[in-house]
Structure formats: structure tokens, C-alpha cells
PDB file of N, CA and C in Angstrom:
ATOM      1  N   MET A   1     -11.257  10.209  13.971  1.00  0.00           N
ATOM      2  CA  MET A   1     -10.710   8.554  14.273  1.00  0.00           C
ATOM      3  C   MET A   1      -9.464   8.622  13.209  1.00  0.00           C
ATOM      4  N   ASN A   2      -8.663   7.539  14.113  1.00  0.00           N
ATOM      5  CA  ASN A   2      -7.500   7.151  13.337  1.00  0.00           C
ATOM      6  C   ASN A   2      -7.719   6.382  12.093  1.00  0.00           C
ATOM      7  N   ASN A   3      -7.267   7.045  11.083  1.00  0.00           N
ATOM      8  CA  ASN A   3      -6.912   6.271   9.680  1.00  0.00           C
ATOM      9  C   ASN A   3      -6.302   5.067   9.661  1.00  0.00           C
ATOM     10  N   ALA A   4      -5.254   4.840  10.622  1.00  0.00           N
ATOM     11  CA  ALA A   4      -4.677   3.485  10.712  1.00  0.00           C
ATOM     12  C   ALA A   4      -5.674   2.490  10.699  1.00  0.00           C
ATOM     13  N   LEU A   5      -6.564   2.742  11.565  1.00  0.00           N
ATOM     14  CA  LEU A   5      -7.666   1.676  11.737  1.00  0.00           C
ATOM     15  C   LEU A   5      -8.084   1.103  10.837  1.00  0.00           C
ATOM     16  N   PHE A   6      -8.366   2.102   9.751  1.00  0.00           N
ATOM     17  CA  PHE A   6      -9.590   1.429   8.596  1.00  0.00           C
ATOM     18  C   PHE A   6      -8.225   1.228   7.730  1.00  0.00           C
ATOM     19  N   LYS A   7      -7.139   0.903   7.564  1.00  0.00           N
ATOM     20  CA  LYS A   7      -5.937   0.411   6.558  1.00  0.00           C
ATOM     21  C   LYS A   7      -6.445  -0.792   5.984  1.00  0.00           C
ATOM     22  N   GLY A   8      -6.788  -0.819   4.746  1.00  0.00           N
ATOM     23  CA  GLY A   8      -6.850  -2.332   4.573  1.00  0.00           C
ATOM     24  C   GLY A   8      -8.621  -2.701   4.309  1.00  0.00           C
ATOM     25  N   PHE A   9      -9.115  -1.779   4.382  1.00  0.00           N
ATOM     26  CA  PHE A   9     -10.764  -1.793   4.346  1.00  0.00           C
ATOM     27  C   PHE A   9     -11.199  -0.916   3.555  1.00  0.00           C
ATOM     28  N   ASN A  10     -12.306  -1.334   3.054  1.00  0.00           N
ATOM     29  CA  ASN A  10     -13.119  -0.480   1.812  1.00  0.00           C
ATOM     30  C   ASN A  10     -13.990   0.328   2.800  1.00  0.00           C
ATOM     31  N   THR A  11     -13.719   1.994   2.648  1.00  0.00           N
ATOM     32  CA  THR A  11     -14.608   2.936   3.436  1.00  0.00           C
ATOM     33  C   THR A  11     -15.173   4.028   2.622  1.00  0.00           C
ATOM     34  N   SER A  12     -15.826   4.223   3.305  1.00  0.00           N
ATOM     35  CA  SER A  12     -16.427   5.479   2.636  1.00  0.00           C
ATOM     36  C   SER A  12     -16.947   6.848   3.918  1.00  0.00           C
ATOM     37  N   GLN A  13     -16.872   7.781   3.491  1.00  0.00           N
ATOM     38  CA  GLN A  13     -17.201   9.103   4.198  1.00  0.00           C
ATOM     39  C   GLN A  13     -18.393   9.245   3.836  1.00  0.00           C
ATOM     40  N   ILE A  14     -19.182   9.496   5.457  1.00  0.00           N
ATOM     41  CA  ILE A  14     -20.432   9.776   5.739  1.00  0.00           C
ATOM     42  C   ILE A  14     -20.704  11.096   6.530  1.00  0.00           C
ATOM     43  N   GLY A  15     -20.655  11.935   6.100  1.00  0.00           N
ATOM     44  CA  GLY A  15     -20.463  13.501   6.922  1.00  0.00           C
ATOM     45  C   GLY A  15     -19.121  13.285   7.320  1.00  0.00           C
ATOM     46  N   ASP A  16     -19.022  13.722   8.976  1.00  0.00           N
ATOM     47  CA  ASP A  16     -17.836  13.686   9.700  1.00  0.00           C
ATOM     48  C   ASP A  16     -17.260  11.999  10.232  1.00  0.00           C
ATOM     49  N   GLU A  17     -18.045  11.195  10.060  1.00  0.00           N
ATOM     50  CA  GLU A  17     -17.610   9.793   9.950  1.00  0.00           C
ATOM     51  C   GLU A  17     -17.229   8.906   9.116  1.00  0.00           C
ATOM     52  N   ARG A  18     -16.186   8.235   9.116  1.00  0.00           N
ATOM     53  CA  ARG A  18     -15.846   7.225   8.307  1.00  0.00           C
ATOM     54  C   ARG A  18     -16.221   5.517   8.535  1.00  0.00           C
ATOM     55  N   VAL A  19     -17.184   5.111   7.495  1.00  0.00           N
ATOM     56  CA  VAL A  19     -17.718   3.924   7.726  1.00  0.00           C
ATOM     57  C   VAL A  19     -17.139   2.971   6.815  1.00  0.00           C
ATOM     58  N   ILE A  20     -16.804   1.640   7.300  1.00  0.00           N
ATOM     59  CA  ILE A  20     -16.417   0.783   6.791  1.00  0.00           C
ATOM     60  C   ILE A  20     -17.484  -0.169   5.999  1.00  0.00           C
ATOM     61  N   LYS A  21     -17.093  -0.207   4.591  1.00  0.00           N
ATOM     62  CA  LYS A  21     -18.340  -0.686   3.909  1.00  0.00           C
ATOM     63  C   LYS A  21     -18.173  -2.372   4.184  1.00  0.00           C
ATOM     64  N   SER A  22     -19.294  -3.104   4.334  1.00  0.00           N
ATOM     65  CA  SER A  22     -19.318  -4.611   4.855  1.00  0.00           C
ATOM     66  C   SER A  22     -20.517  -5.214   4.145  1.00  0.00           C
ATOM     67  N   ARG A  23     -20.316  -6.702   4.229  1.00  0.00           N
ATOM     68  CA  ARG A  23     -21.628  -7.186   3.441  1.00  0.00           C
ATOM     69  C   ARG A  23     -22.284  -7.598   4.932  1.00  0.00           C
ATOM     70  N   SER A  24     -23.662  -8.054   4.930  1.00  0.00           N
ATOM     71  CA  SER A  24     -24.313  -8.153   6.251  1.00  0.00           C
ATOM     72  C   SER A  24     -24.624  -9.678   5.673  1.00  0.00           C
ATOM     73  N   TRP A  25     -24.936 -10.805   6.368  1.00  0.00           N
ATOM     74  CA  TRP A  25     -25.225 -11.732   6.556  1.00  0.00           C
ATOM     75  C   TRP A  25     -25.907 -12.608   7.572  1.00  0.00           C
ATOM     76  N   GLN A  26     -27.154 -13.109   7.235  1.00  0.00           N
ATOM     77  CA  GLN A  26     -28.113 -13.519   8.103  1.00  0.00           C
ATOM     78  C   GLN A  26     -27.291 -14.910   8.662  1.00  0.00           C
ATOM     79  N   LEU A  27     -27.552 -15.395  10.025  1.00  0.00           N
ATOM     80  CA  LEU A  27     -26.777 -16.314  10.490  1.00  0.00           C
ATOM     81  C   LEU A  27     -26.918 -17.442   9.327  1.00  0.00           C
ATOM     82  N   GLN A  28     -28.070 -18.043   9.327  1.00  0.00           N
ATOM     83  CA  GLN A  28     -28.455 -19.225   8.470  1.00  0.00           C
ATOM     84  C   GLN A  28     -27.792 -19.128   7.185  1.00  0.00           C
ATOM     85  N   GLU A  29     -27.710 -18.262   6.519  1.00  0.00           N
ATOM     86  CA  GLU A  29     -27.379 -17.787   5.267  1.00  0.00           C
ATOM     87  C   GLU A  29     -25.421 -17.815   5.351  1.00  0.00           C
ATOM     88  N   ALA A  30     -25.169 -17.540   6.375  1.00  0.00           N
ATOM     89  CA  ALA A  30     -23.682 -17.579   6.533  1.00  0.00           C
ATOM     90  C   ALA A  30     -23.217 -18.600   6.713  1.00  0.00           C
ATOM     91  N   LYS A  31     -24.106 -19.636   7.719  1.00  0.00           N
ATOM     92  CA  LYS A  31     -23.635 -21.083   7.714  1.00  0.00           C
ATOM     93  C   LYS A  31     -23.763 -21.871   6.238  1.00  0.00           C
ATOM     94  N   ALA A  32     -24.665 -21.504   5.408  1.00  0.00           N
ATOM     95  CA  ALA A  32     -24.950 -22.362   4.423  1.00  0.00           C
ATOM     96  C   ALA A  32     -23.646 -21.657   3.339  1.00  0.00           C
ATOM     97  N   LYS A  33     -23.029 -20.704   3.237  1.00  0.00           N
ATOM     98  CA  LYS A  33     -22.311 -19.922   2.250  1.00  0.00           C
ATOM     99  C   LYS A  33     -20.974 -19.569   3.236  1.00  0.00           C
ATOM    100  N   PHE A  34     -20.724 -20.395   4.152  1.00  0.00           N
ATOM    101  CA  PHE A  34     -19.586 -20.014   5.123  1.00  0.00           C
ATOM    102  C   PHE A  34     -17.924 -19.858   4.092  1.00  0.00           C
ATOM    103  N   SER A  35     -17.670 -20.537   3.078  1.00  0.00           N
ATOM    104  CA  SER A  35     -16.446 -20.356   2.565  1.00  0.00           C
ATOM    105  C   SER A  35     -16.938 -19.242   1.660  1.00  0.00           C
ATOM    106  N   GLU A  36     -17.413 -18.648   1.078  1.00  0.00           N
ATOM    107  CA  GLU A  36     -17.795 -17.339   0.547  1.00  0.00           C
ATOM    108  C   GLU A  36     -17.742 -16.547   1.507  1.00  0.00           C
ATOM    109  N   VAL A  37     -18.443 -16.361   2.740  1.00  0.00           N
ATOM    110  CA  VAL A  37     -18.075 -15.463   3.871  1.00  0.00           C
ATOM    111  C   VAL A  37     -16.853 -15.402   3.898  1.00  0.00           C
ATOM    112  N   ILE A  38     -15.797 -16.360   4.195  1.00  0.00           N
ATOM    113  CA  ILE A  38     -14.574 -16.153   4.855  1.00  0.00           C
ATOM    114  C   ILE A  38     -13.751 -15.629   3.521  1.00  0.00           C
ATOM    115  N   LYS A  39     -14.208 -16.119   2.367  1.00  0.00           N
ATOM    116  CA  LYS A  39     -13.348 -15.356   0.974  1.00  0.00           C
ATOM    117  C   LYS A  39     -13.270 -13.796   0.952  1.00  0.00           C
ATOM    118  N   ARG A  40     -14.665 -13.049   1.164  1.00  0.00           N
ATOM    119  CA  ARG A  40     -14.956 -11.777   0.993  1.00  0.00           C
ATOM    120  C   ARG A  40     -14.260 -10.912   2.244  1.00  0.00           C
ATOM    121  N   THR A  41     -13.897 -11.727   3.090  1.00  0.00           N
ATOM    122  CA  THR A  41     -13.189 -10.766   4.445  1.00  0.00           C
ATOM    123  C   THR A  41     -11.804 -10.298   3.831  1.00  0.00           C
ATOM    124  N   SER A  42     -11.520 -10.695   2.809  1.00  0.00           N
ATOM    125  CA  SER A  42     -10.172 -10.122   2.453  1.00  0.00           C
ATOM    126  C   SER A  42      -9.967  -8.860   1.802  1.00  0.00           C
ATOM    127  N   SER A  43     -11.616  -8.536   1.352  1.00  0.00           N
ATOM    128  CA  SER A  43     -11.607  -6.880   0.832  1.00  0.00           C
ATOM    129  C   SER A  43     -12.823  -6.507   1.915  1.00  0.00           C
ATOM    130  N   GLU A  44     -13.315  -7.020   2.791  1.00  0.00           N
ATOM    131  CA  GLU A  44     -14.010  -5.844   3.512  1.00  0.00           C
ATOM    132  C   GLU A  44     -15.043  -6.706   4.637  1.00  0.00           C
ATOM    133  N   PRO A  45     -14.930  -6.544   6.101  1.00  0.00           N
ATOM    134  CA  PRO A  45     -15.478  -7.266   6.756  1.00  0.00           C
ATOM    135  C   PRO A  45     -16.896  -8.041   6.727  1.00  0.00           C
ATOM    136  N   GLN A  46     -17.405  -9.069   7.043  1.00  0.00           N
ATOM    137  CA  GLN A  46     -18.545  -9.622   6.995  1.00  0.00           C
ATOM    138  C   GLN A  46     -19.147  -9.600   8.414  1.00  0.00           C
ATOM    139  N   ILE A  47     -20.143  -9.161   8.433  1.00  0.00           N
ATOM    140  CA  ILE A  47     -21.339  -8.921   9.652  1.00  0.00           C
ATOM    141  C   ILE A  47     -22.420  -9.750   9.529  1.00  0.00           C
ATOM    142  N   ILE A  48     -22.614 -10.698  10.730  1.00  0.00           N
ATOM    143  CA  ILE A  48     -23.516 -11.892  10.748  1.00  0.00           C
ATOM    144  C   ILE A  48     -24.690 -11.123  11.682  1.00  0.00           C
ATOM    145  N   THR A  49     -25.578 -11.122  11.285  1.00  0.00           N
ATOM    146  CA  THR A  49     -27.097 -10.766  12.064  1.00  0.00           C
ATOM    147  C   THR A  49     -27.773 -12.058  12.561  1.00  0.00           C
ATOM    148  N   VAL A  50     -28.454 -12.023  13.524  1.00  0.00           N
ATOM    149  CA  VAL A  50     -29.453 -12.707  14.181  1.00  0.00           C
ATOM    150  C   VAL A  50     -30.639 -12.064  14.380  1.00  0.00           C
ATOM    151  N   ARG A  51     -31.844 -12.295  14.202  1.00  0.00           N
ATOM    152  CA  ARG A  51     -33.182 -11.619  13.950  1.00  0.00           C
ATOM    153  C   ARG A  51     -33.107 -10.302  13.678  1.00  0.00           C
ATOM    154  N   GLY A  52     -32.315  -9.884  12.744  1.00  0.00           N
ATOM    155  CA  GLY A  52     -32.271  -8.473  12.081  1.00  0.00           C
ATOM    156  C   GLY A  52     -30.867  -7.795  13.025  1.00  0.00           C
ATOM    157  N   GLU A  53     -30.278  -8.295  14.139  1.00  0.00           N
ATOM    158  CA  GLU A  53     -29.438  -7.383  15.170  1.00  0.00           C
ATOM    159  C   GLU A  53     -27.938  -7.747  14.507  1.00  0.00           C
ATOM    160  N   ASP A  54     -26.734  -6.978  14.758  1.00  0.00           N
ATOM    161  CA  ASP A  54     -25.298  -7.339  14.663  1.00  0.00           C
ATOM    162  C   ASP A  54     -25.151  -8.152  15.404  1.00  0.00           C
ATOM    163  N   VAL A  55     -24.592  -9.294  15.158  1.00  0.00           N
ATOM    164  CA  VAL A  55     -24.020 -10.193  16.509  1.00  0.00           C
ATOM    165  C   VAL A  55     -22.656 -10.566  16.715  1.00  0.00           C
ATOM    166  N   ALA A  56     -22.267 -10.626  15.174  1.00  0.00           N
ATOM    167  CA  ALA A  56     -20.605 -10.828  15.250  1.00  0.00           C
ATOM    168  C   ALA A  56     -19.966 -10.029  13.749  1.00  0.00           C
ATOM    169  N   VAL A  57     -18.529  -9.977  13.693  1.00  0.00           N
ATOM    170  CA  VAL A  57     -17.922  -9.379  12.392  1.00  0.00           C
ATOM    171  C   VAL A  57     -16.993 -10.546  12.019  1.00  0.00           C
ATOM    172  N   ILE A  58     -16.588 -10.998  11.016  1.00  0.00           N
ATOM    173  CA  ILE A  58     -15.573 -11.946  10.682  1.00  0.00           C
ATOM    174  C   ILE A  58     -14.731 -11.017   9.928  1.00  0.00           C
ATOM    175  N   ILE A  59     -13.326 -10.808  10.235  1.00  0.00           N
ATOM    176  CA  ILE A  59     -12.402 -10.110   9.107  1.00  0.00           C
ATOM    177  C   ILE A  59     -11.349 -10.711   8.894  1.00  0.00           C
ATOM    178  N   SER A  60     -10.758 -10.616   8.051  1.00  0.00           N
ATOM    179  CA  SER A  60      -9.511 -11.373   7.556  1.00  0.00           C
ATOM    180  C   SER A  60      -8.441 -11.661   8.810  1.00  0.00           C
ATOM    181  N   PHE A  61      -7.418 -12.397   8.697  1.00  0.00           N
ATOM    182  CA  PHE A  61      -6.561 -12.747   9.594  1.00  0.00           C
ATOM    183  C   PHE A  61      -5.460 -11.436   9.491  1.00  0.00           C
ATOM    184  N   GLU A  62      -5.350 -11.138   8.212  1.00  0.00           N
ATOM    185  CA  GLU A  62      -4.177  -9.663   8.231  1.00  0.00           C
ATOM    186  C   GLU A  62      -5.047  -8.553   8.722  1.00  0.00           C
ATOM    187  N   ASN A  63      -6.340  -8.414   8.351  1.00  0.00           N
ATOM    188  CA  ASN A  63      -6.764  -7.198   9.273  1.00  0.00           C
ATOM    189  C   ASN A  63      -6.742  -7.270  10.920  1.00  0.00           C
ATOM    190  N   TYR A  64      -6.963  -8.739  11.201  1.00  0.00           N
ATOM    191  CA  TYR A  64      -7.093  -8.792  12.784  1.00  0.00           C
ATOM    192  C   TYR A  64      -5.673  -8.369  13.368  1.00  0.00           C
ATOM    193  N   LYS A  65      -4.470  -8.710  12.485  1.00  0.00           N
ATOM    194  CA  LYS A  65      -3.061  -8.733  13.326  1.00  0.00           C
ATOM    195  C   LYS A  65      -3.053  -7.165  13.257  1.00  0.00           C
ATOM    196  N   LYS A  66      -3.286  -6.273  12.402  1.00  0.00           N
ATOM    197  CA  LYS A  66      -3.115  -5.462  12.330  1.00  0.00           C
ATOM    198  C   LYS A  66      -3.975  -4.535  13.347  1.00  0.00           C
ATOM    199  N   LEU A  67      -5.146  -4.975  13.796  1.00  0.00           N
ATOM    200  CA  LEU A  67      -5.702  -4.316  14.868  1.00  0.00           C
ATOM    201  C   LEU A  67      -5.304  -4.555  16.482  1.00  0.00           C
ATOM    202  N   VAL A  68      -4.676  -5.937  16.743  1.00  0.00           N
ATOM    203  CA  VAL A  68      -4.294  -6.588  17.788  1.00  0.00           C
ATOM    204  C   VAL A  68      -2.413  -6.235  17.940  1.00  0.00           C
ATOM    205  N   ARG A  69      -1.870  -5.509  17.092  1.00  0.00           N
ATOM    206  CA  ARG A  69      -0.769  -5.637  17.347  1.00  0.00           C
ATOM    207  C   ARG A  69      -0.641  -4.508  18.427  1.00  0.00           C
ATOM    208  N   PRO A  70       0.498  -4.748  18.893  1.00  0.00           N
ATOM    209  CA  PRO A  70       1.032  -3.684  20.138  1.00  0.00           C
ATOM    210  C   PRO A  70       1.255  -2.389  19.172  1.00  0.00           C
ATOM    211  N   LYS A  71       0.618  -1.250  20.132  1.00  0.00           N
ATOM    212  CA  LYS A  71       1.208  -0.041  19.536  1.00  0.00           C
ATOM    213  C   LYS A  71       2.516   0.678  20.081  1.00  0.00           C
ATOM    214  N   PRO A  72       3.227   1.118  19.251  1.00  0.00           N
ATOM    215  CA  PRO A  72       4.467   1.689  20.054  1.00  0.00           C
ATOM    216  C   PRO A  72       4.282   2.862  21.151  1.00  0.00           C
ATOM    217  N   LYS A  73       5.215   2.739  21.966  1.00  0.00           N
ATOM    218  CA  LYS A  73       5.191   3.696  22.882  1.00  0.00           C
ATOM    219  C   LYS A  73       5.807   5.229  22.245  1.00  0.00           C
ATOM    220  N   LEU A  74       5.274   6.221  22.656  1.00  0.00           N
ATOM    221  CA  LEU A  74       5.904   7.536  22.188  1.00  0.00           C
ATOM    222  C   LEU A  74       7.228   7.317  21.954  1.00  0.00           C
ATOM    223  N   TYR A  75       7.994   7.416  23.374  1.00  0.00           N
ATOM    224  CA  TYR A  75       9.413   7.481  23.323  1.00  0.00           C
ATOM    225  C   TYR A  75      10.029   6.465  22.499  1.00  0.00           C
ATOM    226  N   ASP A  76       9.631   5.155  22.310  1.00  0.00           N
ATOM    227  CA  ASP A  76      10.115   4.352  21.164  1.00  0.00           C
ATOM    228  C   ASP A  76       9.876   5.171  19.692  1.00  0.00           C
ATOM    229  N   PHE A  77       9.041   5.115  19.687  1.00  0.00           N
ATOM    230  CA  PHE A  77       8.444   5.765  18.197  1.00  0.00           C
ATOM    231  C   PHE A  77       9.572   7.172  17.655  1.00  0.00           C
ATOM    232  N   ILE A  78       9.716   8.110  18.850  1.00  0.00           N
ATOM    233  CA  ILE A  78      10.835   8.952  18.542  1.00  0.00           C
ATOM    234  C   ILE A  78      12.410   8.606  18.507  1.00  0.00           C
ATOM    235  N   GLN A  79      12.733   7.352  19.220  1.00  0.00           N
ATOM    236  CA  GLN A  79      14.076   7.235  19.050  1.00  0.00           C
ATOM    237  C   GLN A  79      14.206   6.652  17.776  1.00  0.00           C
ATOM    238  N   ASN A  80      13.240   5.638  17.461  1.00  0.00           N
ATOM    239  CA  ASN A  80      13.069   5.303  16.128  1.00  0.00           C
ATOM    240  C   ASN A  80      13.355   5.901  14.635  1.00  0.00           C
ATOM    241  N   SER A  81      12.657   7.196  15.001  1.00  0.00           N
ATOM    242  CA  SER A  81      12.702   8.326  13.888  1.00  0.00           C
ATOM    243  C   SER A  81      14.042   8.581  13.341  1.00  0.00           C
ATOM    244  N   PRO A  82      13.743   8.638  12.171  1.00  0.00           N
ATOM    245  CA  PRO A  82      14.915   8.804  10.993  1.00  0.00           C
ATOM    246  C   PRO A  82      15.222  10.279  11.596  1.00  0.00           C
ATOM    247  N   LEU A  83      14.500  11.406  12.132  1.00  0.00           N
ATOM    248  CA  LEU A  83      14.851  12.590  12.253  1.00  0.00           C
ATOM    249  C   LEU A  83      15.507  12.632  13.504  1.00  0.00           C
ATOM    250  N   CYS A  84      15.385  11.666  14.506  1.00  0.00           N
ATOM    251  CA  CYS A  84      15.675  11.746  15.710  1.00  0.00           C
ATOM    252  C   CYS A  84      17.112  12.367  16.179  1.00  0.00           C
ATOM    253  N   CYS A  85      18.148  11.526  15.628  1.00  0.00           N
ATOM    254  CA  CYS A  85      19.585  11.878  15.839  1.00  0.00           C
ATOM    255  C   CYS A  85      19.746  13.296  15.162  1.00  0.00           C
ATOM    256  N   ARG A  86      19.140  13.570  13.957  1.00  0.00           N
ATOM    257  CA  ARG A  86      19.445  15.171  13.462  1.00  0.00           C
ATOM    258  C   ARG A  86      19.198  16.393  13.822  1.00  0.00           C
ATOM    259  N   GLU A  87      17.334  16.140  14.540  1.00  0.00           N
ATOM    260  CA  GLU A  87      17.017  17.069  15.163  1.00  0.00           C
ATOM    261  C   GLU A  87      17.779  17.591  16.355  1.00  0.00           C
ATOM    262  N   ALA A  88      18.626  16.341  16.949  1.00  0.00           N
ATOM    263  CA  ALA A  88      19.296  16.366  18.492  1.00  0.00           C
ATOM    264  C   ALA A  88      20.559  17.323  17.880  1.00  0.00           C
ATOM    265  N   ASP A  89      21.053  16.827  16.639  1.00  0.00           N
ATOM    266  CA  ASP A  89      22.341  17.601  16.599  1.00  0.00           C
ATOM    267  C   ASP A  89      21.961  19.059  15.897  1.00  0.00           C
ATOM    268  N   ILE A  90      20.689  19.350  15.757  1.00  0.00           N
ATOM    269  CA  ILE A  90      20.160  20.752  15.269  1.00  0.00           C
ATOM    270  C   ILE A  90      20.073  21.615  16.583  1.00  0.00           C
ATOM    271  N   ILE A  91      19.603  20.712  17.375  1.00  0.00           N
ATOM    272  CA  ILE A  91      19.211  21.829  18.809  1.00  0.00           C
ATOM    273  C   ILE A  91      20.670  21.927  19.280  1.00  0.00           C
ATOM    274  N   PHE A  92      21.702  20.953  19.268  1.00  0.00           N
ATOM    275  CA  PHE A  92      23.061  21.150  19.919  1.00  0.00           C
ATOM    276  C   PHE A  92      23.654  22.206  19.247  1.00  0.00           C
ATOM    277  N   ASP A  93      23.628  22.279  18.178  1.00  0.00           N
ATOM    278  CA  ASP A  93      24.166  23.191  17.003  1.00  0.00           C
ATOM    279  C   ASP A  93      24.024  24.731  17.550  1.00  0.00           C
ATOM    280  N   SER A  94      22.648  24.611  17.686  1.00  0.00           N
ATOM    281  CA  SER A  94      21.905  26.034  18.086  1.00  0.00           C
ATOM    282  C   SER A  94      22.448  26.217  19.551  1.00  0.00           C
ATOM    283  N   ILE A  95      22.324  25.549  20.353  1.00  0.00           N
ATOM    284  CA  ILE A  95      23.026  25.844  21.430  1.00  0.00           C
ATOM    285  C   ILE A  95      24.410  25.973  21.791  1.00  0.00           C
ATOM    286  N   GLU A  96      25.277  25.408  20.760  1.00  0.00           N
ATOM    287  CA  GLU A  96      26.724  25.998  20.760  1.00  0.00           C
ATOM    288  C   GLU A  96      26.719  27.331  20.222  1.00  0.00           C
ATOM    289  N   LYS A  97      26.011  27.702  19.301  1.00  0.00           N
ATOM    290  CA  LYS A  97      25.941  29.139  18.487  1.00  0.00           C
ATOM    291  C   LYS A  97      25.822  30.100  19.423  1.00  0.00           C
ATOM    292  N   ASN A  98      24.730  29.514  20.120  1.00  0.00           N
ATOM    293  CA  ASN A  98      24.322  30.731  21.367  1.00  0.00           C
ATOM    294  C   ASN A  98      25.443  30.987  22.488  1.00  0.00           C
ATOM    295  N   LYS A  99      26.211  29.796  22.997  1.00  0.00           N
ATOM    296  CA  LYS A  99      27.243  29.904  23.892  1.00  0.00           C
ATOM    297  C   LYS A  99      27.925  30.672  23.257  1.00  0.00           C
ATOM    298  N   GLN A 100      28.525  30.649  22.024  1.00  0.00           N
ATOM    299  CA  GLN A 100      29.791  31.430  21.499  1.00  0.00           C
ATOM    300  C   GLN A 100      29.079  33.045  21.330  1.00  0.00           C
ATOM    301  N   LEU A 101      27.819  32.897  20.844  1.00  0.00           N
ATOM    302  CA  LEU A 101      27.592  34.417  20.661  1.00  0.00           C
ATOM    303  C   LEU A 101      27.781  35.378  22.361  1.00  0.00           C
ATOM    304  N   CYS A 102      27.433  34.614  23.150  1.00  0.00           N
ATOM    305  CA  CYS A 102      27.250  35.233  24.485  1.00  0.00           C
ATOM    306  C   CYS A 102      28.989  35.068  25.014  1.00  0.00           C
ATOM    307  N   GLU A 103      29.795  34.388  24.594  1.00  0.00           N
ATOM    308  CA  GLU A 103      30.918  34.504  25.041  1.00  0.00           C
ATOM    309  C   GLU A 103      31.487  35.653  24.414  1.00  0.00           C
ATOM    310  N   GLU A 104      31.330  36.001  23.057  1.00  0.00           N
ATOM    311  CA  GLU A 104      31.794  37.173  22.053  1.00  0.00           C
ATOM    312  C   GLU A 104      31.365  38.801  22.958  1.00  0.00           C
ATOM    313  N   ARG A 105      29.989  38.250  23.231  1.00  0.00           N
ATOM    314  CA  ARG A 105      29.526  39.423  24.218  1.00  0.00           C
ATOM    315  C   ARG A 105      29.903  39.898  25.262  1.00  0.00           C
ATOM    316  N   ASP A 106      30.497  38.772  26.100  1.00  0.00           N
ATOM    317  CA  ASP A 106      31.291  39.018  27.293  1.00  0.00           C
ATOM    318  C   ASP A 106      32.638  39.686  26.789  1.00  0.00           C
ATOM    319  N   LEU A 107      33.323  39.529  26.010  1.00  0.00           N
ATOM    320  CA  LEU A 107      34.509  39.934  25.698  1.00  0.00           C
ATOM    321  C   LEU A 107      34.515  41.290  24.982  1.00  0.00           C
ATOM    322  N   ASN A 108      33.456  41.624  24.169  1.00  0.00           N
ATOM    323  CA  ASN A 108      33.570  43.061  23.760  1.00  0.00           C
ATOM    324  C   ASN A 108      32.785  44.049  24.660  1.00  0.00           C
ATOM    325  N   LEU A 109      32.741  43.541  25.722  1.00  0.00           N
ATOM    326  CA  LEU A 109      32.213  44.643  26.680  1.00  0.00           C
ATOM    327  C   LEU A 109      33.338  45.332  27.886  1.00  0.00           C
TER     328      LEU A 109
END
């Protein structure tokens, strides 16, 4: 799974799966302690349960923004990479060297 999804969350590894640590609240308790539930979202998601079943998750606004921000397109990522132009220069230099070698071989024959 993508580790970027877990950035900003307390996590633990269970076998091959990464699990986000969270606090679970019964709905009535969450209503009564809503301020505390909100404060705790800065360190971990807060799960709300009804009759023992998970029904909602409350996360901090910062983590929400990370989850919903648009992912860059591969082309844009490559174009904005600091290696983009450097890699292109290496490729073009290699092409030029090969071209020169070919021309030298033709002259020597």
C-alpha cells in the first residue's frame, strides 16, 4: 500500500498490512466529549461506532487535505523532476557520441 496515504498518522505494522492506530468512540460518548474527539484528530483518526459497528471516521483537516488533493500526472511529475533536464542531456550526449563513433568508423573503412 502507498505509504504516502499514512503520512501524518500513527501507524503500526501487523504482518504485511499497515494499520492506522485510532481511538474508537461510541456515538453517545463522542457527542458528550466532542471537543476531546476533535482535539485527538491531530494525532490519529477517531472512529465512531453505533451498536458496536464502525460507522464514521473523524480526521484532522490537514490529513483530509492530504487525502483529497489531486495527484500529479506522471508527465507533470517527470517534467518537474530536478533530474528531468539532466537526464535528457545525458541521453543527447550519448546519442552525439554514438553518432561520432559511427562517422569515425565510416572514415576509417
